[in-house]
């Protein structure tokens, strides 16, 4: 009977050791769960921060696009009269050059006729001089 008691006592001690190990494991699990919860909260916070940052970036992008649109329109509006003036100037210069070219062509034509006429007169004069000699 004493032996049975010793065996029961031994098994009780083993059970106590096992129970302590289970308690220790439970504490470790509880600690791990707390760490996981803290990590989860940090991840949730990081996700909110990222969402806020993305929203701010989208707002910033919209403002930049709007500003670019305004600048583009402003440039177009400010350059349009300048281009109109350039076009008008080119048209005026073209007309002037065209008119001068036409005048020069008429002058060359007139000079050509005069030259032919004078050449004919010179030939006539030479003939007359030859006949008179």
C-alpha atoms as a PDB file:
ATOM      1  CA  UNK A   1       0.000   0.000   0.000  1.00  0.00           C
ATOM      2  CA  UNK A   2       2.860   2.267   0.734  1.00  0.00           C
ATOM      3  CA  UNK A   3       4.143   1.575  -2.664  1.00  0.00           C
ATOM      4  CA  UNK A   4       0.807   2.500  -4.141  1.00  0.00           C
ATOM      5  CA  UNK A   5       0.880   5.697  -2.165  1.00  0.00           C
ATOM      6  CA  UNK A   6       4.349   6.452  -3.412  1.00  0.00           C
ATOM      7  CA  UNK A   7       3.277   5.788  -6.934  1.00  0.00           C
ATOM      8  CA  UNK A   8       0.222   8.004  -6.524  1.00  0.00           C
ATOM      9  CA  UNK A   9       2.426  10.663  -4.968  1.00  0.00           C
ATOM     10  CA  UNK A  10       4.885  10.334  -7.864  1.00  0.00           C
ATOM     11  CA  UNK A  11       2.130  10.633 -10.409  1.00  0.00           C
ATOM     12  CA  UNK A  12       0.679  13.598  -8.584  1.00  0.00           C
ATOM     13  CA  UNK A  13       4.068  15.275  -8.718  1.00  0.00           C
ATOM     14  CA  UNK A  14       4.294  14.521 -12.408  1.00  0.00           C
ATOM     15  CA  UNK A  15       0.830  15.910 -12.887  1.00  0.00           C
ATOM     16  CA  UNK A  16       1.832  19.034 -10.993  1.00  0.00           C
ATOM     17  CA  UNK A  17       4.880  19.399 -13.251  1.00  0.00           C
ATOM     18  CA  UNK A  18       2.697  18.843 -16.298  1.00  0.00           C
ATOM     19  CA  UNK A  19       0.157  21.319 -14.929  1.00  0.00           C
ATOM     20  CA  UNK A  20       2.921  23.897 -14.396  1.00  0.00           C
ATOM     21  CA  UNK A  21       4.105  23.324 -17.962  1.00  0.00           C
ATOM     22  CA  UNK A  22       0.554  23.766 -19.231  1.00  0.00           C
ATOM     23  CA  UNK A  23       0.220  26.968 -17.197  1.00  0.00           C
ATOM     24  CA  UNK A  24       3.532  28.209 -18.574  1.00  0.00           C
ATOM     25  CA  UNK A  25       2.456  27.372 -22.111  1.00  0.00           C
ATOM     26  CA  UNK A  26      -0.857  29.112 -21.492  1.00  0.00           C
ATOM     27  CA  UNK A  27       0.975  32.213 -20.269  1.00  0.00           C
ATOM     28  CA  UNK A  28       3.197  32.117 -23.359  1.00  0.00           C
ATOM     29  CA  UNK A  29       0.147  31.779 -25.569  1.00  0.00           C
ATOM     30  CA  UNK A  30      -1.537  34.706 -23.802  1.00  0.00           C
ATOM     31  CA  UNK A  31       1.631  36.755 -24.306  1.00  0.00           C
ATOM     32  CA  UNK A  32       1.744  35.790 -27.975  1.00  0.00           C
ATOM     33  CA  UNK A  33      -1.927  36.727 -28.377  1.00  0.00           C
ATOM     34  CA  UNK A  34      -1.260  40.136 -26.762  1.00  0.00           C
ATOM     35  CA  UNK A  35       1.667  40.679 -29.145  1.00  0.00           C
ATOM     36  CA  UNK A  36      -0.497  39.666 -32.092  1.00  0.00           C
ATOM     37  CA  UNK A  37      -3.231  42.074 -30.994  1.00  0.00           C
ATOM     38  CA  UNK A  38      -0.705  44.868 -30.611  1.00  0.00           C
ATOM     39  CA  UNK A  39       0.707  44.059 -34.065  1.00  0.00           C
ATOM     40  CA  UNK A  40      -2.803  43.981 -35.496  1.00  0.00           C
ATOM     41  CA  UNK A  41      -3.562  47.387 -33.977  1.00  0.00           C
ATOM     42  CA  UNK A  42      -0.309  48.733 -35.425  1.00  0.00           C
ATOM     43  CA  UNK A  43      -1.195  47.290 -38.841  1.00  0.00           C
ATOM     44  CA  UNK A  44      -4.654  48.840 -38.649  1.00  0.00           C
ATOM     45  CA  UNK A  45      -3.071  52.174 -37.757  1.00  0.00           C
ATOM     46  CA  UNK A  46      -0.601  51.843 -40.636  1.00  0.00           C
ATOM     47  CA  UNK A  47      -3.439  51.006 -43.043  1.00  0.00           C
ATOM     48  CA  UNK A  48      -5.382  54.109 -41.920  1.00  0.00           C
ATOM     49  CA  UNK A  49      -2.256  56.220 -42.369  1.00  0.00           C
ATOM     50  CA  UNK A  50      -1.740  54.783 -45.861  1.00  0.00           C
ATOM     51  CA  UNK A  51      -5.370  55.424 -46.748  1.00  0.00           C
ATOM     52  CA  UNK A  52      -5.074  59.028 -45.564  1.00  0.00           C
ATOM     53  CA  UNK A  53      -1.839  59.450 -47.510  1.00  0.00           C
ATOM     54  CA  UNK A  54      -3.401  58.029 -50.678  1.00  0.00           C
ATOM     55  CA  UNK A  55      -6.375  60.365 -50.266  1.00  0.00           C
ATOM     56  CA  UNK A  56      -4.025  63.345 -49.824  1.00  0.00           C
ATOM     57  CA  UNK A  57      -2.018  62.277 -52.877  1.00  0.00           C
ATOM     58  CA  UNK A  58      -5.174  61.988 -54.944  1.00  0.00           C
ATOM     59  CA  UNK A  59      -6.291  65.444 -53.824  1.00  0.00           C
ATOM     60  CA  UNK A  60      -2.839  66.818 -54.613  1.00  0.00           C
ATOM     61  CA  UNK A  61      -2.861  65.188 -58.030  1.00  0.00           C
ATOM     62  CA  UNK A  62      -6.282  66.682 -58.763  1.00  0.00           C
ATOM     63  CA  UNK A  63      -4.995  70.136 -57.747  1.00  0.00           C
ATOM     64  CA  UNK A  64      -1.896  69.708 -59.920  1.00  0.00           C
ATOM     65  CA  UNK A  65      -3.998  68.626 -62.899  1.00  0.00           C
ATOM     66  CA  UNK A  66      -6.323  71.576 -62.369  1.00  0.00           C
ATOM     67  CA  UNK A  67      -3.367  73.964 -62.118  1.00  0.00           C
ATOM     68  CA  UNK A  68      -1.789  72.510 -65.259  1.00  0.00           C
ATOM     69  CA  UNK A  69      -5.084  72.935 -67.084  1.00  0.00           C
ATOM     70  CA  UNK A  70      -5.329  76.558 -65.971  1.00  0.00           C
ATOM     71  CA  UNK A  71      -1.701  77.228 -66.917  1.00  0.00           C
ATOM     72  CA  UNK A  72      -2.156  75.609 -70.313  1.00  0.00           C
ATOM     73  CA  UNK A  73      -5.254  77.682 -70.995  1.00  0.00           C
ATOM     74  CA  UNK A  74      -3.503  80.807 -69.748  1.00  0.00           C
ATOM     75  CA  UNK A  75      -0.557  80.168 -72.065  1.00  0.00           C
ATOM     76  CA  UNK A  76      -2.883  79.564 -74.999  1.00  0.00           C
ATOM     77  CA  UNK A  77      -4.879  82.689 -74.189  1.00  0.00           C
ATOM     78  CA  UNK A  78      -1.777  84.838 -73.808  1.00  0.00           C
ATOM     79  CA  UNK A  79      -0.045  83.491 -76.935  1.00  0.00           C
ATOM     80  CA  UNK A  80      -3.070  83.583 -79.233  1.00  0.00           C
ATOM     81  CA  UNK A  81      -2.906  87.355 -79.845  1.00  0.00           C
ATOM     82  CA  UNK A  82       0.847  87.098 -80.372  1.00  0.00           C
ATOM     83  CA  UNK A  83       0.379  84.392 -82.985  1.00  0.00           C
ATOM     84  CA  UNK A  84      -2.368  86.469 -84.599  1.00  0.00           C
ATOM     85  CA  UNK A  85       0.049  89.396 -84.825  1.00  0.00           C
ATOM     86  CA  UNK A  86       2.764  87.167 -86.286  1.00  0.00           C
ATOM     87  CA  UNK A  87       0.327  85.764 -88.839  1.00  0.00           C
ATOM     88  CA  UNK A  88      -0.848  89.242 -89.762  1.00  0.00           C
ATOM     89  CA  UNK A  89       2.753  90.463 -90.059  1.00  0.00           C
ATOM     90  CA  UNK A  90       3.687  87.512 -92.277  1.00  0.00           C
ATOM     91  CA  UNK A  91       0.635  88.116 -94.452  1.00  0.00           C
ATOM     92  CA  UNK A  92       1.501  91.812 -94.795  1.00  0.00           C
ATOM     93  CA  UNK A  93       5.133  91.050 -95.639  1.00  0.00           C
ATOM     94  CA  UNK A  94       4.048  88.428 -98.134  1.00  0.00           C
ATOM     95  CA  UNK A  95       1.792  90.937 -99.856  1.00  0.00           C
ATOM     96  CA  UNK A  96       4.580  93.540 -99.908  1.00  0.00           C
ATOM     97  CA  UNK A  97       7.069  91.055-101.345  1.00  0.00           C
ATOM     98  CA  UNK A  98       4.510  89.831-103.855  1.00  0.00           C
ATOM     99  CA  UNK A  99       3.767  93.398-104.974  1.00  0.00           C
ATOM    100  CA  UNK A 100       7.474  94.235-105.279  1.00  0.00           C
ATOM    101  CA  UNK A 101       8.118  91.038-107.201  1.00  0.00           C
ATOM    102  CA  UNK A 102       5.298  91.917-109.579  1.00  0.00           C
ATOM    103  CA  UNK A 103       6.723  95.447-110.001  1.00  0.00           C
ATOM    104  CA  UNK A 104      10.184  94.012-110.670  1.00  0.00           C
ATOM    105  CA  UNK A 105       8.796  91.567-113.209  1.00  0.00           C
ATOM    106  CA  UNK A 106       7.050  94.459-115.030  1.00  0.00           C
ATOM    107  CA  UNK A 107      10.217  96.523-114.852  1.00  0.00           C
ATOM    108  CA  UNK A 108      12.307  93.669-116.269  1.00  0.00           C
ATOM    109  CA  UNK A 109       9.754  93.188-118.990  1.00  0.00           C
ATOM    110  CA  UNK A 110       9.785  96.924-119.795  1.00  0.00           C
ATOM    111  CA  UNK A 111      13.578  96.998-119.782  1.00  0.00           C
ATOM    112  CA  UNK A 112      13.632  93.955-122.004  1.00  0.00           C
ATOM    113  CA  UNK A 113      11.318  95.672-124.503  1.00  0.00           C
ATOM    114  CA  UNK A 114      13.431  98.811-124.359  1.00  0.00           C
ATOM    115  CA  UNK A 115      16.588  96.802-124.871  1.00  0.00           C
ATOM    116  CA  UNK A 116      15.080  95.072-127.909  1.00  0.00           C
ATOM    117  CA  UNK A 117      13.832  98.367-129.234  1.00  0.00           C
ATOM    118  CA  UNK A 118      17.188 100.022-128.732  1.00  0.00           C
ATOM    119  CA  UNK A 119      18.958  97.087-130.319  1.00  0.00           C
ATOM    120  CA  UNK A 120      16.681  97.385-133.329  1.00  0.00           C
ATOM    121  CA  UNK A 121      17.323 101.108-133.499  1.00  0.00           C
ATOM    122  CA  UNK A 122      21.074 100.493-133.281  1.00  0.00           C
ATOM    123  CA  UNK A 123      20.896  97.983-136.112  1.00  0.00           C
ATOM    124  CA  UNK A 124      18.906 100.431-138.179  1.00  0.00           C
ATOM    125  CA  UNK A 125      21.378 103.155-137.408  1.00  0.00           C
ATOM    126  CA  UNK A 126      24.289 100.903-138.389  1.00  0.00           C
ATOM    127  CA  UNK A 127      22.587 100.046-141.668  1.00  0.00           C
ATOM    128  CA  UNK A 128      21.939 103.631-142.370  1.00  0.00           C
ATOM    129  CA  UNK A 129      25.534 104.463-141.706  1.00  0.00           C
ATOM    130  CA  UNK A 130      26.696 101.680-143.916  1.00  0.00           C
ATOM    131  CA  UNK A 131      24.412 102.830-146.715  1.00  0.00           C
ATOM    132  CA  UNK A 132      25.513 106.351-146.401  1.00  0.00           C
ATOM    133  CA  UNK A 133      29.150 105.557-146.678  1.00  0.00           C
END
